[in-house]
N, C-alpha and C. Protein backbone atom coordinates (compact mmCIF):
# COMPACT_ATOMS: atom_id res chain seq x y z
N MET A 1 115.41 83.78 113.07
CA MET A 1 114.33 82.94 113.58
C MET A 1 112.98 83.38 113.00
N GLU A 2 112.82 84.68 112.83
CA GLU A 2 111.57 85.19 112.27
C GLU A 2 111.34 84.65 110.86
N LEU A 3 112.40 84.57 110.06
CA LEU A 3 112.30 84.04 108.70
C LEU A 3 111.86 82.57 108.74
N LEU A 4 112.41 81.80 109.64
CA LEU A 4 112.04 80.40 109.77
C LEU A 4 110.56 80.27 110.16
N GLU A 5 110.12 81.10 111.10
CA GLU A 5 108.72 81.05 111.53
C GLU A 5 107.78 81.39 110.38
N LYS A 6 108.13 82.39 109.57
CA LYS A 6 107.31 82.75 108.42
C LYS A 6 107.27 81.61 107.42
N GLY A 7 108.40 80.95 107.23
CA GLY A 7 108.48 79.84 106.28
C GLY A 7 107.64 78.65 106.70
N MET A 8 107.43 78.48 108.00
CA MET A 8 106.68 77.34 108.51
C MET A 8 105.20 77.66 108.74
N LYS A 9 104.81 78.90 108.47
CA LYS A 9 103.43 79.32 108.68
C LYS A 9 102.49 78.39 107.91
N LYS A 10 101.44 77.92 108.55
CA LYS A 10 100.58 76.92 107.95
C LYS A 10 99.43 77.51 107.13
N SER A 11 99.08 78.74 107.37
CA SER A 11 98.00 79.34 106.59
C SER A 11 98.38 80.75 106.19
N VAL A 12 97.77 81.17 105.11
CA VAL A 12 98.00 82.51 104.61
C VAL A 12 96.62 83.10 104.35
N ALA A 13 96.36 84.24 104.95
CA ALA A 13 95.04 84.87 104.82
C ALA A 13 94.65 85.03 103.36
N GLY A 14 93.45 84.55 103.02
CA GLY A 14 92.92 84.71 101.67
C GLY A 14 93.45 83.73 100.65
N VAL A 15 94.30 82.80 101.05
CA VAL A 15 94.87 81.83 100.10
C VAL A 15 94.25 80.46 100.36
N THR A 16 93.76 79.85 99.30
CA THR A 16 93.17 78.52 99.41
C THR A 16 93.88 77.58 98.45
N CYS A 17 93.68 76.33 98.67
CA CYS A 17 94.28 75.29 97.83
C CYS A 17 93.31 74.96 96.69
N PRO A 18 93.75 75.13 95.44
CA PRO A 18 92.87 74.80 94.32
C PRO A 18 92.51 73.31 94.30
N GLU A 19 91.35 72.99 93.76
CA GLU A 19 90.88 71.59 93.75
C GLU A 19 91.79 70.66 92.96
N ASP A 20 92.46 71.20 91.92
CA ASP A 20 93.32 70.33 91.11
C ASP A 20 94.67 70.05 91.78
N LEU A 21 94.91 70.67 92.91
CA LEU A 21 96.15 70.43 93.66
C LEU A 21 95.84 69.38 94.73
N THR A 22 95.85 68.13 94.29
CA THR A 22 95.51 67.00 95.16
C THR A 22 96.71 66.61 96.02
N LYS A 23 96.47 65.78 97.00
CA LYS A 23 97.55 65.31 97.86
C LYS A 23 98.62 64.59 97.05
N ASP A 24 98.20 63.73 96.13
CA ASP A 24 99.18 63.00 95.31
C ASP A 24 100.03 63.96 94.47
N ARG A 25 99.39 64.98 93.91
CA ARG A 25 100.15 65.95 93.11
C ARG A 25 101.10 66.74 93.98
N VAL A 26 100.66 67.15 95.16
CA VAL A 26 101.52 67.90 96.07
C VAL A 26 102.76 67.07 96.42
N ILE A 27 102.56 65.80 96.73
CA ILE A 27 103.69 64.93 97.08
C ILE A 27 104.63 64.76 95.90
N ALA A 28 104.07 64.56 94.70
CA ALA A 28 104.91 64.40 93.51
C ALA A 28 105.73 65.66 93.23
N VAL A 29 105.10 66.82 93.31
CA VAL A 29 105.80 68.09 93.08
C VAL A 29 106.84 68.31 94.16
N PHE A 30 106.50 67.99 95.40
CA PHE A 30 107.43 68.14 96.52
C PHE A 30 108.69 67.31 96.27
N LYS A 31 108.52 66.05 95.89
CA LYS A 31 109.66 65.17 95.64
C LYS A 31 110.50 65.68 94.47
N GLU A 32 109.84 66.09 93.41
CA GLU A 32 110.54 66.61 92.24
C GLU A 32 111.36 67.85 92.59
N ALA A 33 110.75 68.77 93.33
CA ALA A 33 111.44 70.00 93.73
C ALA A 33 112.59 69.69 94.68
N ASN A 34 112.40 68.69 95.54
CA ASN A 34 113.45 68.30 96.47
C ASN A 34 114.66 67.75 95.72
N GLU A 35 114.40 66.90 94.74
CA GLU A 35 115.50 66.35 93.93
C GLU A 35 116.25 67.48 93.22
N PHE A 36 115.51 68.42 92.64
CA PHE A 36 116.13 69.55 91.96
C PHE A 36 116.98 70.37 92.92
N SER A 37 116.43 70.70 94.09
CA SER A 37 117.16 71.57 95.03
C SER A 37 118.41 70.88 95.58
N ILE A 38 118.35 69.58 95.81
CA ILE A 38 119.53 68.85 96.30
C ILE A 38 120.64 68.90 95.25
N THR A 39 120.27 68.63 94.01
CA THR A 39 121.26 68.66 92.92
C THR A 39 121.85 70.05 92.75
N LYS A 40 121.00 71.06 92.73
CA LYS A 40 121.45 72.44 92.55
C LYS A 40 122.30 72.89 93.75
N PHE A 41 121.89 72.51 94.95
CA PHE A 41 122.61 72.93 96.15
C PHE A 41 124.02 72.36 96.18
N LYS A 42 124.20 71.15 95.68
CA LYS A 42 125.53 70.54 95.67
C LYS A 42 126.54 71.41 94.94
N SER A 43 126.10 72.09 93.89
CA SER A 43 127.01 72.93 93.12
C SER A 43 127.38 74.22 93.84
N MET A 44 126.61 74.58 94.85
CA MET A 44 126.91 75.82 95.57
C MET A 44 127.14 75.62 97.06
N SER A 45 127.25 74.37 97.50
CA SER A 45 127.35 74.10 98.93
C SER A 45 128.59 74.71 99.58
N ASN A 46 129.73 74.68 98.89
CA ASN A 46 130.93 75.26 99.49
C ASN A 46 130.77 76.76 99.72
N LEU A 47 130.18 77.44 98.77
CA LEU A 47 129.94 78.88 98.91
C LEU A 47 129.03 79.16 100.09
N VAL A 48 127.94 78.43 100.19
CA VAL A 48 126.99 78.64 101.29
C VAL A 48 127.64 78.32 102.62
N LYS A 49 128.36 77.22 102.70
CA LYS A 49 129.01 76.83 103.96
C LYS A 49 130.05 77.85 104.39
N ASN A 50 130.76 78.44 103.42
CA ASN A 50 131.76 79.45 103.76
C ASN A 50 131.13 80.76 104.20
N LEU A 51 130.00 81.11 103.62
CA LEU A 51 129.31 82.34 104.02
C LEU A 51 128.69 82.19 105.41
N ASP A 52 127.87 81.16 105.54
CA ASP A 52 127.20 80.91 106.82
C ASP A 52 126.48 79.57 106.72
N PRO A 53 126.96 78.55 107.42
CA PRO A 53 126.33 77.22 107.34
C PRO A 53 124.85 77.22 107.72
N MET A 54 124.44 78.21 108.51
CA MET A 54 123.03 78.27 108.92
C MET A 54 122.11 78.62 107.75
N LEU A 55 122.70 79.10 106.64
CA LEU A 55 121.90 79.44 105.47
C LEU A 55 121.49 78.22 104.65
N ALA A 56 122.14 77.10 104.87
CA ALA A 56 121.90 75.90 104.05
C ALA A 56 120.43 75.52 103.94
N PRO A 57 119.69 75.38 105.04
CA PRO A 57 118.28 74.99 104.89
C PRO A 57 117.44 76.06 104.19
N ILE A 58 117.80 77.32 104.39
CA ILE A 58 117.05 78.41 103.76
C ILE A 58 117.30 78.40 102.25
N VAL A 59 118.55 78.23 101.85
CA VAL A 59 118.89 78.18 100.43
C VAL A 59 118.19 76.99 99.78
N ASN A 60 118.22 75.85 100.42
CA ASN A 60 117.56 74.66 99.88
C ASN A 60 116.06 74.89 99.72
N SER A 61 115.45 75.49 100.71
CA SER A 61 114.02 75.78 100.65
C SER A 61 113.71 76.76 99.52
N CYS A 62 114.52 77.79 99.39
CA CYS A 62 114.32 78.78 98.33
C CYS A 62 114.44 78.15 96.95
N LEU A 63 115.43 77.28 96.78
CA LEU A 63 115.60 76.58 95.50
C LEU A 63 114.36 75.75 95.18
N SER A 64 113.84 75.05 96.17
CA SER A 64 112.65 74.22 95.98
C SER A 64 111.45 75.06 95.59
N HIS A 65 111.20 76.12 96.35
CA HIS A 65 110.03 76.96 96.08
C HIS A 65 110.14 77.67 94.73
N ASP A 66 111.33 78.12 94.38
CA ASP A 66 111.52 78.75 93.06
C ASP A 66 111.22 77.75 91.95
N TYR A 67 111.69 76.53 92.13
CA TYR A 67 111.45 75.48 91.14
C TYR A 67 109.94 75.22 90.98
N ILE A 68 109.24 75.12 92.08
CA ILE A 68 107.80 74.86 92.04
C ILE A 68 107.06 76.00 91.35
N THR A 69 107.45 77.22 91.65
CA THR A 69 106.81 78.38 91.04
C THR A 69 107.08 78.44 89.55
N LYS A 70 108.34 78.26 89.17
CA LYS A 70 108.71 78.39 87.75
C LYS A 70 108.28 77.19 86.91
N THR A 71 108.41 75.99 87.44
CA THR A 71 108.13 74.78 86.66
C THR A 71 106.65 74.41 86.65
N HIS A 72 105.99 74.58 87.79
CA HIS A 72 104.60 74.14 87.91
C HIS A 72 103.61 75.30 88.02
N ASN A 73 104.14 76.50 88.03
CA ASN A 73 103.30 77.71 88.13
C ASN A 73 102.39 77.68 89.36
N ILE A 74 102.93 77.18 90.46
CA ILE A 74 102.20 77.16 91.73
C ILE A 74 102.89 78.16 92.65
N PRO A 75 102.20 79.24 93.03
CA PRO A 75 102.81 80.22 93.93
C PRO A 75 103.19 79.58 95.28
N GLU A 76 104.25 80.11 95.87
CA GLU A 76 104.75 79.56 97.14
C GLU A 76 103.67 79.52 98.21
N THR A 77 102.88 80.59 98.31
CA THR A 77 101.85 80.63 99.35
C THR A 77 100.81 79.53 99.14
N VAL A 78 100.42 79.28 97.90
CA VAL A 78 99.44 78.23 97.60
C VAL A 78 100.03 76.86 97.94
N PHE A 79 101.29 76.65 97.60
CA PHE A 79 101.91 75.36 97.89
C PHE A 79 102.02 75.13 99.39
N LYS A 80 102.37 76.17 100.14
CA LYS A 80 102.46 76.03 101.60
C LYS A 80 101.10 75.69 102.21
N VAL A 81 100.04 76.32 101.70
CA VAL A 81 98.70 76.01 102.19
C VAL A 81 98.34 74.56 101.87
N ALA A 82 98.72 74.09 100.67
CA ALA A 82 98.46 72.70 100.29
C ALA A 82 99.24 71.73 101.18
N LEU A 83 100.49 72.05 101.48
CA LEU A 83 101.29 71.20 102.37
C LEU A 83 100.59 71.03 103.71
N SER A 84 100.05 72.13 104.22
CA SER A 84 99.36 72.09 105.50
C SER A 84 98.03 71.36 105.40
N LYS A 85 97.28 71.65 104.34
CA LYS A 85 95.96 71.04 104.17
C LYS A 85 96.04 69.51 104.19
N PHE A 86 97.03 68.99 103.49
CA PHE A 86 97.16 67.54 103.38
C PHE A 86 98.10 66.93 104.43
N GLU A 87 98.57 67.76 105.35
CA GLU A 87 99.47 67.32 106.41
C GLU A 87 100.62 66.49 105.84
N ILE A 88 101.25 67.05 104.82
CA ILE A 88 102.30 66.36 104.07
C ILE A 88 103.45 65.93 104.96
N TYR A 89 103.81 66.76 105.92
CA TYR A 89 104.96 66.43 106.77
C TYR A 89 104.67 65.27 107.72
N ASN A 90 103.42 64.86 107.81
CA ASN A 90 103.05 63.70 108.63
C ASN A 90 102.83 62.45 107.78
N ASP A 91 103.00 62.57 106.47
CA ASP A 91 102.78 61.45 105.56
C ASP A 91 103.91 60.42 105.72
N LYS A 92 103.52 59.20 106.03
CA LYS A 92 104.51 58.14 106.31
C LYS A 92 105.39 57.85 105.09
N GLU A 93 104.79 57.72 103.92
CA GLU A 93 105.55 57.42 102.70
C GLU A 93 106.54 58.54 102.38
N LEU A 94 106.11 59.78 102.53
CA LEU A 94 107.00 60.90 102.28
C LEU A 94 108.12 60.94 103.32
N GLY A 95 107.81 60.59 104.54
CA GLY A 95 108.82 60.53 105.59
C GLY A 95 109.90 59.51 105.26
N GLU A 96 109.48 58.37 104.76
CA GLU A 96 110.46 57.34 104.36
C GLU A 96 111.31 57.82 103.19
N TYR A 97 110.68 58.53 102.25
CA TYR A 97 111.42 59.09 101.12
C TYR A 97 112.47 60.10 101.62
N MET A 98 112.06 60.99 102.51
CA MET A 98 112.99 62.01 103.02
C MET A 98 114.12 61.38 103.83
N ASN A 99 113.84 60.34 104.56
CA ASN A 99 114.87 59.67 105.35
C ASN A 99 115.88 58.94 104.46
N SER A 100 115.49 58.64 103.25
CA SER A 100 116.40 57.95 102.34
C SER A 100 117.36 58.92 101.64
N LYS A 101 117.14 60.21 101.79
CA LYS A 101 117.98 61.23 101.12
C LYS A 101 119.18 61.58 101.95
């Protein structure tokens, strides 16, 4: 539970959202990382489910954050602050996208 709480933390001391990380860019990167993590997770889902099904959301999240860091050079802490700043999880369009997955 502690890991989940840390993952959902909305602010990180001393971390700010750069000006070039706009709401539109955050949403685009979020969707791209989500598509990547879903595809990658499918190849390892049996392993994760056999180890511990409760790990599935954590593995998916880690895959997404790793993708964002490696592909877009955006540190996880900066991306989390941006998600909070723009209230991404309350975005209606993004909600519809997530519901379609």
